[in-house]
Amino acid sequence: MNDFRLNSPDGETSFSEITHLIVSARQRALQAVNTELIELYWQVGAYISRKIEAAEWGDGVVVQLASHLARTQPGLRGFTRANLFRMRRFYEAYRHDEIVAAVLRQLPWTQNLIILNQSECPEERVFYLHMAIQEKWSSRELERQIKAALFERSIISPAKISPRAELLHPDAVNVFKDTYMVEFLDLAQGHIETDLHRGLIHRLRDFLIELGRDFCFIGSQYPLQVGGRDFALDLLFFHRGLNCLVAIELKVGRFEPEYLGKLDFYLEALDRNVRKPHENPALGVLLCASKDDEVVEYALNRSLSPALIAQYQTQLPDKQLLQAKLHEFYALNDLAAGKY
């Protein structure tokens, strides 16, 4: 009989495989339960909506329904008067879009309600539905991204990337942001680069969530040796989707065009000495406290470096102000398209 020990390589491998099977099955079971629950809420919302639209029911009947369910189905949760009206609104918000209606089943009810209640328009709802699924945000992170006006910022200020970066990584514009929110660092007004760097490492999990899914942290002050000299890259990541190294250089002041030269040097060193044969060329990000978009455009337009310029903000933006700018943006586009 074989001596099967827990701390043996075979034992650990077998046990980890079984653990993976259990965890995967539980996740599928939970997803199946959630899908059925959202489907039930959808059907209840549809039934109530049709009854009210046909003038067969008034709001008072919904109140009676909630009381009836509470009395006849003891222990049944989630069918209060308020939630029944939410189900109706949930159905009416998405009933004309079959594709979006199918997507809803992938999110928990709590997250669906957050998106439904805090989004201003159908386009914003669809945006956060897809992002929440793609990024696997928690309810807390979803609310944070809505407060941070990610939808408005993505439309008004898309990521600024160089033509070289766009050529080598066509999907990069969908991966990176123009502005990254780091309010969780609680940085003082006059912070220095060391404060920013230390804070990002200390709150690395939050920073990874802000960067987005598929970013993997490799190192801080990553050493690069060129010739007889030693250099240190602020932060080095790997992006699984783009299959490339991502170098991030931090600047606590405004963007200056000469910063691109140093970043280009680091990217060349990474491609020559660090990049694996199966990986794509490295990408560089200059993360600055502020930037002038026209200066950025000039700097990137003829740059041969696969780089992008972004800024960080230490406080969440004024969402109402960004919404007003978004309305202006839509109005100008409509005017340009001759809709007025």
Protein backbone atom coordinates (compact mmCIF):
# COMPACT_ATOMS: atom_id res chain seq x y z
CA MET A 1 0.00 0.00 0.00
CA ASN A 2 1.36 3.41 -0.95
CA ASP A 3 2.16 5.86 1.83
CA PHE A 4 0.01 8.81 0.64
CA ARG A 5 1.12 11.83 2.62
CA LEU A 6 -0.54 15.26 2.71
CA ASN A 7 2.77 17.09 2.45
CA SER A 8 3.97 15.02 -0.49
CA PRO A 9 3.84 16.61 -3.97
CA ASP A 10 1.31 14.04 -5.20
CA GLY A 11 -0.90 14.57 -2.16
CA GLU A 12 -0.91 18.34 -2.45
CA THR A 13 -1.65 18.17 -6.19
CA SER A 14 -4.54 15.74 -5.76
CA PHE A 15 -6.06 17.68 -2.89
CA SER A 16 -5.76 21.01 -4.72
CA GLU A 17 -7.50 19.52 -7.77
CA ILE A 18 -10.40 18.30 -5.63
CA THR A 19 -10.59 21.68 -3.89
CA HIS A 20 -10.75 23.37 -7.29
CA LEU A 21 -13.59 21.04 -8.35
CA ILE A 22 -15.55 21.88 -5.19
CA VAL A 23 -15.02 25.63 -5.48
CA SER A 24 -15.94 25.62 -9.18
CA ALA A 25 -19.11 23.61 -8.53
CA ARG A 26 -20.16 25.95 -5.73
CA GLN A 27 -19.61 28.98 -7.92
CA ARG A 28 -21.70 27.45 -10.71
CA ALA A 29 -24.43 26.58 -8.21
CA LEU A 30 -24.50 30.12 -6.82
CA GLN A 31 -24.61 31.56 -10.33
CA ALA A 32 -27.46 29.23 -11.25
CA VAL A 33 -29.41 30.31 -8.15
CA ASN A 34 -28.78 33.97 -8.97
CA THR A 35 -29.88 33.49 -12.59
CA GLU A 36 -33.13 31.88 -11.47
CA LEU A 37 -33.74 34.61 -8.89
CA ILE A 38 -33.23 37.43 -11.41
CA GLU A 39 -35.46 35.57 -13.88
CA LEU A 40 -38.17 35.31 -11.20
CA TYR A 41 -37.92 39.04 -10.40
CA TRP A 42 -38.09 39.80 -14.14
CA GLN A 43 -41.26 37.74 -14.57
CA VAL A 44 -42.92 39.24 -11.48
CA GLY A 45 -41.98 42.73 -12.68
CA ALA A 46 -43.40 41.97 -16.12
CA TYR A 47 -46.66 40.66 -14.66
CA ILE A 48 -47.14 43.73 -12.44
CA SER A 49 -46.22 46.09 -15.29
CA ARG A 50 -48.74 44.54 -17.67
CA LYS A 51 -51.52 44.60 -15.07
CA ILE A 52 -50.91 48.29 -14.28
CA GLU A 53 -50.58 49.29 -17.94
CA ALA A 54 -53.85 47.54 -18.72
CA ALA A 55 -55.46 49.49 -15.86
CA GLU A 56 -56.40 46.20 -14.20
CA TRP A 57 -54.26 47.04 -11.17
CA GLY A 58 -53.44 50.21 -9.31
CA ASP A 59 -50.56 50.81 -6.92
CA GLY A 60 -52.81 49.74 -4.06
CA VAL A 61 -53.10 46.23 -5.50
CA VAL A 62 -49.32 45.85 -5.36
CA VAL A 63 -49.46 46.73 -1.66
CA GLN A 64 -52.15 44.07 -1.20
CA LEU A 65 -49.98 41.56 -3.10
CA ALA A 66 -47.05 42.22 -0.76
CA SER A 67 -49.31 41.68 2.28
CA HIS A 68 -50.76 38.51 0.73
CA LEU A 69 -47.32 37.02 0.08
CA ALA A 70 -46.13 37.90 3.59
CA ARG A 71 -49.18 36.20 5.07
CA THR A 72 -49.35 33.09 2.88
CA GLN A 73 -45.65 32.52 2.32
CA PRO A 74 -44.00 32.89 5.75
CA GLY A 75 -40.25 33.14 5.54
CA LEU A 76 -40.36 34.39 1.94
CA ARG A 77 -37.95 37.29 1.58
CA GLY A 78 -37.54 39.93 -1.09
CA PHE A 79 -41.20 40.51 -1.94
CA THR A 80 -41.94 43.62 0.05
CA ARG A 81 -44.00 46.45 -1.42
CA ALA A 82 -40.84 48.45 -2.22
CA ASN A 83 -39.13 45.49 -3.87
CA LEU A 84 -42.18 44.61 -5.96
CA PHE A 85 -42.18 48.14 -7.38
CA ARG A 86 -38.43 47.77 -8.02
CA MET A 87 -39.13 44.58 -10.00
CA ARG A 88 -41.64 46.47 -12.12
CA ARG A 89 -39.17 49.28 -12.77
CA PHE A 90 -36.42 46.73 -13.45
CA TYR A 91 -38.52 45.07 -16.14
CA GLU A 92 -39.65 48.34 -17.72
CA ALA A 93 -36.09 49.67 -17.91
CA TYR A 94 -34.80 46.78 -20.04
CA ARG A 95 -37.80 45.11 -21.68
CA HIS A 96 -37.11 46.55 -25.16
CA ASP A 97 -33.52 45.27 -25.33
CA GLU A 98 -33.30 41.47 -25.44
CA ILE A 99 -29.48 41.40 -25.43
CA VAL A 100 -29.22 43.57 -22.33
CA ALA A 101 -32.06 41.64 -20.67
CA ALA A 102 -29.96 38.47 -21.03
CA VAL A 103 -26.91 40.16 -19.50
CA LEU A 104 -28.84 41.12 -16.36
CA ARG A 105 -28.91 37.52 -15.17
CA GLN A 106 -25.14 37.55 -14.68
CA LEU A 107 -25.28 40.13 -11.87
CA PRO A 108 -26.75 39.85 -8.37
CA TRP A 109 -29.96 41.72 -7.60
CA THR A 110 -28.11 44.22 -5.39
CA GLN A 111 -25.80 45.26 -8.22
CA ASN A 112 -28.67 45.45 -10.67
CA LEU A 113 -30.46 47.82 -8.30
CA ILE A 114 -27.35 49.98 -7.85
CA ILE A 115 -27.05 50.41 -11.62
CA LEU A 116 -30.78 50.96 -12.06
CA ASN A 117 -31.03 53.57 -9.30
CA GLN A 118 -27.79 55.48 -9.86
CA SER A 119 -27.57 55.65 -13.66
CA GLU A 120 -29.00 58.61 -15.53
CA CYS A 121 -29.65 57.10 -18.95
CA PRO A 122 -29.92 53.72 -20.74
CA GLU A 123 -26.40 54.04 -22.19
CA GLU A 124 -24.96 54.50 -18.72
CA ARG A 125 -26.85 51.47 -17.39
CA VAL A 126 -25.58 49.26 -20.21
CA PHE A 127 -22.02 50.54 -19.66
CA TYR A 128 -21.99 49.63 -15.97
CA LEU A 129 -23.71 46.29 -16.57
CA HIS A 130 -20.94 45.22 -18.91
CA MET A 131 -18.15 46.71 -16.80
CA ALA A 132 -19.40 45.09 -13.58
CA ILE A 133 -19.45 41.69 -15.29
CA GLN A 134 -16.11 42.18 -17.04
CA GLU A 135 -14.26 43.52 -14.00
CA LYS A 136 -16.14 41.35 -11.46
CA TRP A 137 -16.68 44.38 -9.21
CA SER A 138 -18.13 44.01 -5.76
CA SER A 139 -21.20 46.11 -4.95
CA ARG A 140 -18.96 48.53 -3.06
CA GLU A 141 -16.57 48.94 -5.99
CA LEU A 142 -19.46 49.33 -8.42
CA GLU A 143 -20.84 52.22 -6.36
CA ARG A 144 -17.38 53.75 -6.18
CA GLN A 145 -16.98 53.66 -9.96
CA ILE A 146 -20.39 55.25 -10.46
CA LYS A 147 -19.53 58.00 -7.97
CA ALA A 148 -16.23 58.44 -9.79
CA ALA A 149 -18.23 59.04 -13.02
CA LEU A 150 -16.36 56.40 -14.99
CA PHE A 151 -19.03 56.41 -17.71
CA GLU A 152 -18.86 60.18 -18.24
CA ARG A 153 -15.07 60.21 -18.12
CA SER A 154 -14.77 57.34 -20.61
CA ILE A 155 -16.83 59.24 -23.19
CA ILE A 156 -15.56 62.78 -22.61
CA SER A 157 -11.89 61.86 -22.09
CA PRO A 158 -10.85 58.53 -23.62
CA ALA A 159 -7.32 57.25 -23.01
CA LYS A 160 -4.55 59.23 -24.76
CA ILE A 161 -2.21 56.73 -26.45
CA SER A 162 0.53 57.16 -29.03
CA PRO A 163 0.08 55.95 -32.64
CA ARG A 164 2.82 53.38 -31.99
CA ALA A 165 0.93 51.98 -29.01
CA GLU A 166 -2.27 51.85 -31.04
CA LEU A 167 -0.45 49.96 -33.82
CA LEU A 168 1.17 47.41 -31.51
CA HIS A 169 -1.81 47.07 -29.15
CA PRO A 170 -5.10 47.97 -30.89
CA ASP A 171 -7.09 47.06 -27.77
CA ALA A 172 -5.05 49.30 -25.46
CA VAL A 173 -7.49 52.19 -25.77
CA ASN A 174 -10.15 49.95 -24.17
CA VAL A 175 -7.84 48.80 -21.37
CA PHE A 176 -6.47 52.08 -20.06
CA LYS A 177 -8.14 55.21 -18.71
CA ASP A 178 -7.41 58.87 -19.16
CA THR A 179 -7.77 59.45 -15.40
CA TYR A 180 -7.21 57.11 -12.47
CA MET A 181 -8.87 57.76 -9.13
CA VAL A 182 -6.61 57.21 -6.10
CA GLU A 183 -8.75 58.89 -3.45
CA PHE A 184 -8.22 55.80 -1.29
CA LEU A 185 -4.61 56.92 -0.69
CA ASP A 186 -5.67 59.99 1.34
CA LEU A 187 -2.72 61.95 -0.05
CA ALA A 188 -2.02 65.42 1.32
CA GLN A 189 -2.23 68.43 -1.00
CA GLY A 190 1.54 68.86 -1.16
CA HIS A 191 2.46 65.17 -1.48
CA ILE A 192 5.70 64.14 -3.12
CA GLU A 193 6.47 61.26 -5.46
CA THR A 194 7.63 59.05 -2.59
CA ASP A 195 4.24 59.48 -0.87
CA LEU A 196 2.42 58.51 -4.05
CA HIS A 197 4.65 55.51 -4.71
CA ARG A 198 4.49 54.26 -1.12
CA GLY A 199 0.73 54.70 -1.01
CA LEU A 200 0.15 52.74 -4.22
CA ILE A 201 2.24 49.85 -2.95
CA HIS A 202 0.51 49.91 0.44
CA ARG A 203 -2.93 49.91 -1.22
CA LEU A 204 -1.90 47.71 -4.13
CA ARG A 205 -5.14 45.71 -4.14
CA ASP A 206 -7.20 48.92 -4.52
CA PHE A 207 -4.86 50.18 -7.21
CA LEU A 208 -5.13 46.91 -9.14
CA ILE A 209 -8.93 47.19 -9.05
CA GLU A 210 -8.70 50.77 -10.32
CA LEU A 211 -6.31 49.72 -13.10
CA GLY A 212 -8.72 47.01 -14.21
CA ARG A 213 -8.94 43.27 -14.68
CA ASP A 214 -5.95 41.31 -16.07
CA PHE A 215 -3.26 43.50 -14.52
CA CYS A 216 -0.67 41.49 -12.56
CA PHE A 217 1.87 43.20 -10.31
CA ILE A 218 5.52 42.33 -10.95
CA GLY A 219 7.58 44.78 -8.94
CA SER A 220 8.26 48.20 -7.44
CA GLN A 221 11.44 50.11 -8.22
CA TYR A 222 12.10 47.36 -10.74
CA PRO A 223 15.85 47.21 -11.48
CA LEU A 224 17.06 47.70 -15.05
CA GLN A 225 20.75 47.53 -15.92
CA VAL A 226 21.96 49.12 -19.13
CA GLY A 227 25.66 49.25 -19.85
CA GLY A 228 27.38 49.83 -16.56
CA ARG A 229 24.53 51.80 -15.00
CA ASP A 230 21.58 50.80 -12.82
CA PHE A 231 18.09 52.24 -13.25
CA ALA A 232 14.84 51.72 -11.35
CA LEU A 233 11.38 51.67 -12.92
CA ASP A 234 8.67 52.95 -10.56
CA LEU A 235 6.12 50.15 -11.12
CA LEU A 236 6.05 47.14 -13.41
CA PHE A 237 2.92 45.16 -14.26
CA PHE A 238 1.91 42.52 -16.77
CA HIS A 239 -1.39 42.63 -18.63
CA ARG A 240 -2.70 39.17 -19.50
CA GLY A 241 -5.12 40.35 -22.18
CA LEU A 242 -2.53 42.43 -24.05
CA ASN A 243 0.17 39.86 -23.24
CA CYS A 244 2.76 42.50 -22.46
CA LEU A 245 4.71 44.20 -19.71
CA VAL A 246 3.31 47.55 -18.59
CA ALA A 247 5.73 50.09 -17.15
CA ILE A 248 4.28 52.90 -15.03
CA GLU A 249 6.29 56.00 -14.21
CA LEU A 250 4.91 58.36 -11.57
CA LYS A 251 5.04 62.16 -11.72
CA VAL A 252 3.50 64.36 -9.03
CA GLY A 253 3.57 67.43 -11.26
CA ARG A 254 2.07 68.16 -14.68
CA PHE A 255 3.09 66.21 -17.76
CA GLU A 256 6.15 67.49 -19.59
CA PRO A 257 7.09 66.24 -23.09
CA GLU A 258 10.64 65.30 -22.04
CA TYR A 259 9.23 62.60 -19.73
CA LEU A 260 8.54 60.47 -22.78
CA GLY A 261 12.26 60.10 -23.52
CA LYS A 262 12.99 58.42 -20.20
CA LEU A 263 9.95 56.17 -20.51
CA ASP A 264 11.00 55.17 -24.03
CA PHE A 265 14.42 54.22 -22.65
CA TYR A 266 12.82 51.99 -20.01
CA LEU A 267 10.60 50.29 -22.60
CA GLU A 268 13.61 49.52 -24.79
CA ALA A 269 15.40 48.00 -21.80
CA LEU A 270 12.36 45.89 -20.92
CA ASP A 271 11.97 44.62 -24.49
CA ARG A 272 15.65 43.72 -24.79
CA ASN A 273 16.35 42.29 -21.35
CA VAL A 274 13.08 41.32 -19.63
CA ARG A 275 10.41 40.48 -22.22
CA LYS A 276 9.82 36.79 -22.97
CA PRO A 277 9.89 35.59 -26.61
CA HIS A 278 6.12 34.91 -26.67
CA GLU A 279 5.18 38.32 -25.23
CA ASN A 280 4.22 41.46 -27.11
CA PRO A 281 6.32 44.66 -26.88
CA ALA A 282 6.07 46.51 -23.58
CA LEU A 283 3.72 49.46 -23.01
CA GLY A 284 4.50 52.54 -20.97
CA VAL A 285 2.23 54.73 -18.86
CA LEU A 286 3.16 58.16 -17.57
CA LEU A 287 0.87 58.76 -14.59
CA CYS A 288 0.96 62.47 -13.81
CA ALA A 289 -0.87 64.73 -11.38
CA SER A 290 -2.14 66.86 -14.26
CA LYS A 291 -1.77 67.29 -18.01
CA ASP A 292 -2.69 69.65 -20.80
CA ASP A 293 -4.48 67.61 -23.47
CA GLU A 294 -3.09 69.71 -26.31
CA VAL A 295 0.48 69.27 -25.04
CA VAL A 296 -0.19 65.51 -24.72
CA GLU A 297 -1.50 65.36 -28.28
CA TYR A 298 1.58 67.11 -29.67
CA ALA A 299 3.93 64.96 -27.62
CA LEU A 300 2.33 61.66 -28.61
CA ASN A 301 1.60 62.41 -32.25
CA ARG A 302 5.13 61.72 -33.53
CA SER A 303 6.35 59.62 -30.67
CA LEU A 304 7.79 56.25 -31.64
CA SER A 305 7.22 55.00 -28.11
CA PRO A 306 4.26 52.68 -27.35
CA ALA A 307 3.14 54.92 -24.52
CA LEU A 308 0.15 56.68 -23.08
CA ILE A 309 -0.32 59.66 -20.81
CA ALA A 310 -2.81 59.54 -17.94
CA GLN A 311 -3.41 61.55 -14.80
CA TYR A 312 -4.33 60.58 -11.28
CA GLN A 313 -6.79 62.38 -9.04
CA THR A 314 -6.76 62.27 -5.27
CA GLN A 315 -10.45 63.16 -4.90
CA LEU A 316 -13.55 61.83 -6.61
CA PRO A 317 -14.79 64.23 -9.31
CA ASP A 318 -17.96 66.28 -9.25
CA LYS A 319 -20.30 63.83 -10.98
CA GLN A 320 -22.98 66.45 -11.68
CA LEU A 321 -20.41 68.67 -13.40
CA LEU A 322 -19.26 65.77 -15.57
CA GLN A 323 -22.87 64.92 -16.41
CA ALA A 324 -23.40 68.50 -17.58
CA LYS A 325 -20.25 68.26 -19.72
CA LEU A 326 -21.49 64.97 -21.14
CA HIS A 327 -24.79 66.58 -22.15
CA GLU A 328 -22.82 69.35 -23.87
CA PHE A 329 -20.69 66.71 -25.59
CA TYR A 330 -23.78 64.91 -26.92
CA ALA A 331 -25.35 68.19 -28.02
CA LEU A 332 -22.23 69.21 -29.96
CA ASN A 333 -22.07 65.80 -31.64
CA ASP A 334 -25.73 66.04 -32.61
CA LEU A 335 -25.11 69.52 -33.98
CA ALA A 336 -22.14 68.32 -36.00
CA ALA A 337 -24.21 65.42 -37.34
CA GLY A 338 -26.91 67.88 -38.48
CA LYS A 339 -29.62 66.59 -36.12
CA TYR A 340 -30.58 70.18 -35.20
